């Protein structure tokens, strides 16, 4: 099952992408994180993000483009994607999507996850638009 939410941003793709790729910014908007850092080899793909609790997520997808950019972080039971899309109709859109894996599921059908994503998206928008 995949759960996702999105929001429109009033910044350029370059500004949002640079902000997104800096894990030092994540604690401002992503409540699951208190501290994160990139691990080498490969800063992005194929690299790893190490979380404050010591666990790691592998970067399994990474695309940087002028119209659509995304990064996917994968652990044993989930894959989370952060995607920026520049659309002509509504400007820059930021989407967070989470897909369960390995038999895992959302106990509430994803309601709490959607709510957490909405909160994260609004925090991201506020933080990146201040830059």
C-alpha atoms as a PDB file:
ATOM      1  CA  UNK A   1       0.000   0.000   0.000  1.00  0.00           C
ATOM      2  CA  UNK A   2       1.219   3.486  -0.827  1.00  0.00           C
ATOM      3  CA  UNK A   3       0.227   6.626   1.052  1.00  0.00           C
ATOM      4  CA  UNK A   4       1.113  10.091  -0.228  1.00  0.00           C
ATOM      5  CA  UNK A   5       0.423  13.802   0.221  1.00  0.00           C
ATOM      6  CA  UNK A   6       1.588  16.876  -1.689  1.00  0.00           C
ATOM      7  CA  UNK A   7       1.818  20.649  -1.434  1.00  0.00           C
ATOM      8  CA  UNK A   8       2.677  23.508  -3.807  1.00  0.00           C
ATOM      9  CA  UNK A   9       5.776  25.600  -3.112  1.00  0.00           C
ATOM     10  CA  UNK A  10       6.587  29.201  -4.014  1.00  0.00           C
ATOM     11  CA  UNK A  11      10.309  28.665  -4.645  1.00  0.00           C
ATOM     12  CA  UNK A  12      12.451  27.481  -7.532  1.00  0.00           C
ATOM     13  CA  UNK A  13      13.268  23.818  -8.140  1.00  0.00           C
ATOM     14  CA  UNK A  14      16.928  24.564  -7.359  1.00  0.00           C
ATOM     15  CA  UNK A  15      16.110  26.169  -3.996  1.00  0.00           C
ATOM     16  CA  UNK A  16      13.770  23.363  -2.912  1.00  0.00           C
ATOM     17  CA  UNK A  17      16.104  20.582  -4.147  1.00  0.00           C
ATOM     18  CA  UNK A  18      19.137  22.060  -2.376  1.00  0.00           C
ATOM     19  CA  UNK A  19      17.121  22.418   0.835  1.00  0.00           C
ATOM     20  CA  UNK A  20      15.757  18.866   0.554  1.00  0.00           C
ATOM     21  CA  UNK A  21      19.170  17.268   0.018  1.00  0.00           C
ATOM     22  CA  UNK A  22      20.697  18.817   3.124  1.00  0.00           C
ATOM     23  CA  UNK A  23      19.911  16.385   5.982  1.00  0.00           C
ATOM     24  CA  UNK A  24      20.742  19.121   8.487  1.00  0.00           C
ATOM     25  CA  UNK A  25      17.484  20.770   7.358  1.00  0.00           C
ATOM     26  CA  UNK A  26      15.377  17.644   7.860  1.00  0.00           C
ATOM     27  CA  UNK A  27      14.831  18.095  11.578  1.00  0.00           C
ATOM     28  CA  UNK A  28      13.040  21.371  10.737  1.00  0.00           C
ATOM     29  CA  UNK A  29      10.295  19.577   8.836  1.00  0.00           C
ATOM     30  CA  UNK A  30      10.491  15.767   9.061  1.00  0.00           C
ATOM     31  CA  UNK A  31       9.329  14.761  12.560  1.00  0.00           C
ATOM     32  CA  UNK A  32      10.758  11.239  12.264  1.00  0.00           C
ATOM     33  CA  UNK A  33      14.250  12.729  12.297  1.00  0.00           C
ATOM     34  CA  UNK A  34      16.259  14.425  14.976  1.00  0.00           C
ATOM     35  CA  UNK A  35      19.616  14.050  13.274  1.00  0.00           C
ATOM     36  CA  UNK A  36      20.719  12.493   9.990  1.00  0.00           C
ATOM     37  CA  UNK A  37      23.824  12.375   7.836  1.00  0.00           C
ATOM     38  CA  UNK A  38      24.878  10.992   4.484  1.00  0.00           C
ATOM     39  CA  UNK A  39      27.188   8.000   4.541  1.00  0.00           C
ATOM     40  CA  UNK A  40      29.646   7.263   1.765  1.00  0.00           C
ATOM     41  CA  UNK A  41      30.491   5.713  -0.701  1.00  0.00           C
ATOM     42  CA  UNK A  42      28.214   7.772  -2.870  1.00  0.00           C
ATOM     43  CA  UNK A  43      26.736  10.815  -1.227  1.00  0.00           C
ATOM     44  CA  UNK A  44      23.432  10.068  -2.829  1.00  0.00           C
ATOM     45  CA  UNK A  45      23.034   7.065  -5.082  1.00  0.00           C
ATOM     46  CA  UNK A  46      23.926   4.433  -4.051  1.00  0.00           C
ATOM     47  CA  UNK A  47      24.499   5.850  -0.604  1.00  0.00           C
ATOM     48  CA  UNK A  48      22.931   5.601   2.813  1.00  0.00           C
ATOM     49  CA  UNK A  49      21.347   7.953   5.280  1.00  0.00           C
ATOM     50  CA  UNK A  50      22.193   7.196   8.894  1.00  0.00           C
ATOM     51  CA  UNK A  51      19.650   8.256  11.494  1.00  0.00           C
ATOM     52  CA  UNK A  52      20.276   9.418  15.049  1.00  0.00           C
ATOM     53  CA  UNK A  53      19.094   6.060  16.456  1.00  0.00           C
ATOM     54  CA  UNK A  54      21.832   4.290  14.472  1.00  0.00           C
ATOM     55  CA  UNK A  55      19.613   2.714  11.829  1.00  0.00           C
ATOM     56  CA  UNK A  56      20.291   3.269   8.147  1.00  0.00           C
ATOM     57  CA  UNK A  57      18.177   3.723   5.037  1.00  0.00           C
ATOM     58  CA  UNK A  58      19.596   2.906   1.634  1.00  0.00           C
ATOM     59  CA  UNK A  59      19.126   5.458  -1.120  1.00  0.00           C
ATOM     60  CA  UNK A  60      17.489   3.278  -3.792  1.00  0.00           C
ATOM     61  CA  UNK A  61      16.369   6.010  -6.160  1.00  0.00           C
ATOM     62  CA  UNK A  62      17.802   9.375  -7.061  1.00  0.00           C
ATOM     63  CA  UNK A  63      17.022  11.684  -9.974  1.00  0.00           C
ATOM     64  CA  UNK A  64      17.975  15.340 -10.265  1.00  0.00           C
ATOM     65  CA  UNK A  65      16.331  17.075 -13.197  1.00  0.00           C
ATOM     66  CA  UNK A  66      15.066  20.545 -13.968  1.00  0.00           C
ATOM     67  CA  UNK A  67      11.408  19.392 -14.138  1.00  0.00           C
ATOM     68  CA  UNK A  68      11.227  16.373 -11.808  1.00  0.00           C
ATOM     69  CA  UNK A  69      13.601  15.384  -9.009  1.00  0.00           C
ATOM     70  CA  UNK A  70      13.245  12.745  -6.325  1.00  0.00           C
ATOM     71  CA  UNK A  71      15.091  10.724  -3.730  1.00  0.00           C
ATOM     72  CA  UNK A  72      13.881   7.386  -2.337  1.00  0.00           C
ATOM     73  CA  UNK A  73      15.059   6.021   1.002  1.00  0.00           C
ATOM     74  CA  UNK A  74      14.426   2.366   1.739  1.00  0.00           C
ATOM     75  CA  UNK A  75      14.544   0.291   4.910  1.00  0.00           C
ATOM     76  CA  UNK A  76      13.393  -3.254   5.611  1.00  0.00           C
ATOM     77  CA  UNK A  77       9.691  -2.450   5.894  1.00  0.00           C
ATOM     78  CA  UNK A  78       9.184   0.779   3.943  1.00  0.00           C
ATOM     79  CA  UNK A  79      10.274   2.959   1.065  1.00  0.00           C
ATOM     80  CA  UNK A  80       9.793   6.715   1.380  1.00  0.00           C
ATOM     81  CA  UNK A  81      10.087   9.033  -1.605  1.00  0.00           C
ATOM     82  CA  UNK A  82      10.439  12.794  -1.583  1.00  0.00           C
ATOM     83  CA  UNK A  83       9.583  14.169  -5.032  1.00  0.00           C
ATOM     84  CA  UNK A  84       9.658  17.675  -6.499  1.00  0.00           C
ATOM     85  CA  UNK A  85       7.788  18.250  -9.763  1.00  0.00           C
ATOM     86  CA  UNK A  86       7.690  21.511 -11.694  1.00  0.00           C
ATOM     87  CA  UNK A  87       4.270  21.679 -13.345  1.00  0.00           C
ATOM     88  CA  UNK A  88       3.143  24.408 -15.706  1.00  0.00           C
ATOM     89  CA  UNK A  89      -0.345  24.570 -14.198  1.00  0.00           C
ATOM     90  CA  UNK A  90       0.396  24.814 -10.478  1.00  0.00           C
ATOM     91  CA  UNK A  91       4.117  25.538 -10.167  1.00  0.00           C
ATOM     92  CA  UNK A  92       6.433  23.469  -7.997  1.00  0.00           C
ATOM     93  CA  UNK A  93       4.847  20.523  -6.187  1.00  0.00           C
ATOM     94  CA  UNK A  94       6.468  18.614  -3.311  1.00  0.00           C
ATOM     95  CA  UNK A  95       5.208  15.095  -2.603  1.00  0.00           C
ATOM     96  CA  UNK A  96       6.000  12.614   0.153  1.00  0.00           C
ATOM     97  CA  UNK A  97       5.029   8.987  -0.484  1.00  0.00           C
ATOM     98  CA  UNK A  98       5.502   5.902   1.673  1.00  0.00           C
ATOM     99  CA  UNK A  99       5.140   2.339   0.425  1.00  0.00           C
ATOM    100  CA  UNK A 100       5.061  -0.596   2.828  1.00  0.00           C
ATOM    101  CA  UNK A 101       7.169  -3.703   2.135  1.00  0.00           C
ATOM    102  CA  UNK A 102       7.782  -7.168   3.500  1.00  0.00           C
ATOM    103  CA  UNK A 103       4.242  -7.770   4.694  1.00  0.00           C
ATOM    104  CA  UNK A 104       4.080  -4.526   6.667  1.00  0.00           C
ATOM    105  CA  UNK A 105       0.900  -2.471   6.487  1.00  0.00           C
ATOM    106  CA  UNK A 106      -0.708   0.640   7.912  1.00  0.00           C
ATOM    107  CA  UNK A 107      -2.856  -0.391  10.886  1.00  0.00           C
ATOM    108  CA  UNK A 108      -5.235   2.537  10.293  1.00  0.00           C
ATOM    109  CA  UNK A 109      -5.223   2.446   6.503  1.00  0.00           C
ATOM    110  CA  UNK A 110      -2.623   5.211   6.390  1.00  0.00           C
ATOM    111  CA  UNK A 111      -4.663   7.929   8.117  1.00  0.00           C
ATOM    112  CA  UNK A 112      -2.002   8.808  10.708  1.00  0.00           C
ATOM    113  CA  UNK A 113       0.724   8.692   8.058  1.00  0.00           C
ATOM    114  CA  UNK A 114      -1.200  11.081   5.787  1.00  0.00           C
ATOM    115  CA  UNK A 115      -1.662  13.454   8.725  1.00  0.00           C
ATOM    116  CA  UNK A 116       2.070  13.298   9.542  1.00  0.00           C
ATOM    117  CA  UNK A 117       2.883  13.952   5.868  1.00  0.00           C
ATOM    118  CA  UNK A 118       0.600  17.015   5.798  1.00  0.00           C
ATOM    119  CA  UNK A 119       2.347  18.395   8.873  1.00  0.00           C
ATOM    120  CA  UNK A 120       5.781  17.714   7.356  1.00  0.00           C
ATOM    121  CA  UNK A 121       4.811  19.311   4.042  1.00  0.00           C
ATOM    122  CA  UNK A 122       3.605  22.499   5.722  1.00  0.00           C
ATOM    123  CA  UNK A 123       6.788  22.679   7.826  1.00  0.00           C
ATOM    124  CA  UNK A 124       8.910  22.115   4.695  1.00  0.00           C
ATOM    125  CA  UNK A 125       7.026  24.842   2.817  1.00  0.00           C
ATOM    126  CA  UNK A 126       7.477  27.319   5.669  1.00  0.00           C
ATOM    127  CA  UNK A 127      11.185  26.527   6.082  1.00  0.00           C
ATOM    128  CA  UNK A 128      12.159  26.494   2.394  1.00  0.00           C
ATOM    129  CA  UNK A 129      10.192  29.638   1.558  1.00  0.00           C
ATOM    130  CA  UNK A 130      12.061  31.529   4.315  1.00  0.00           C
ATOM    131  CA  UNK A 131      15.395  30.766   2.624  1.00  0.00           C
END
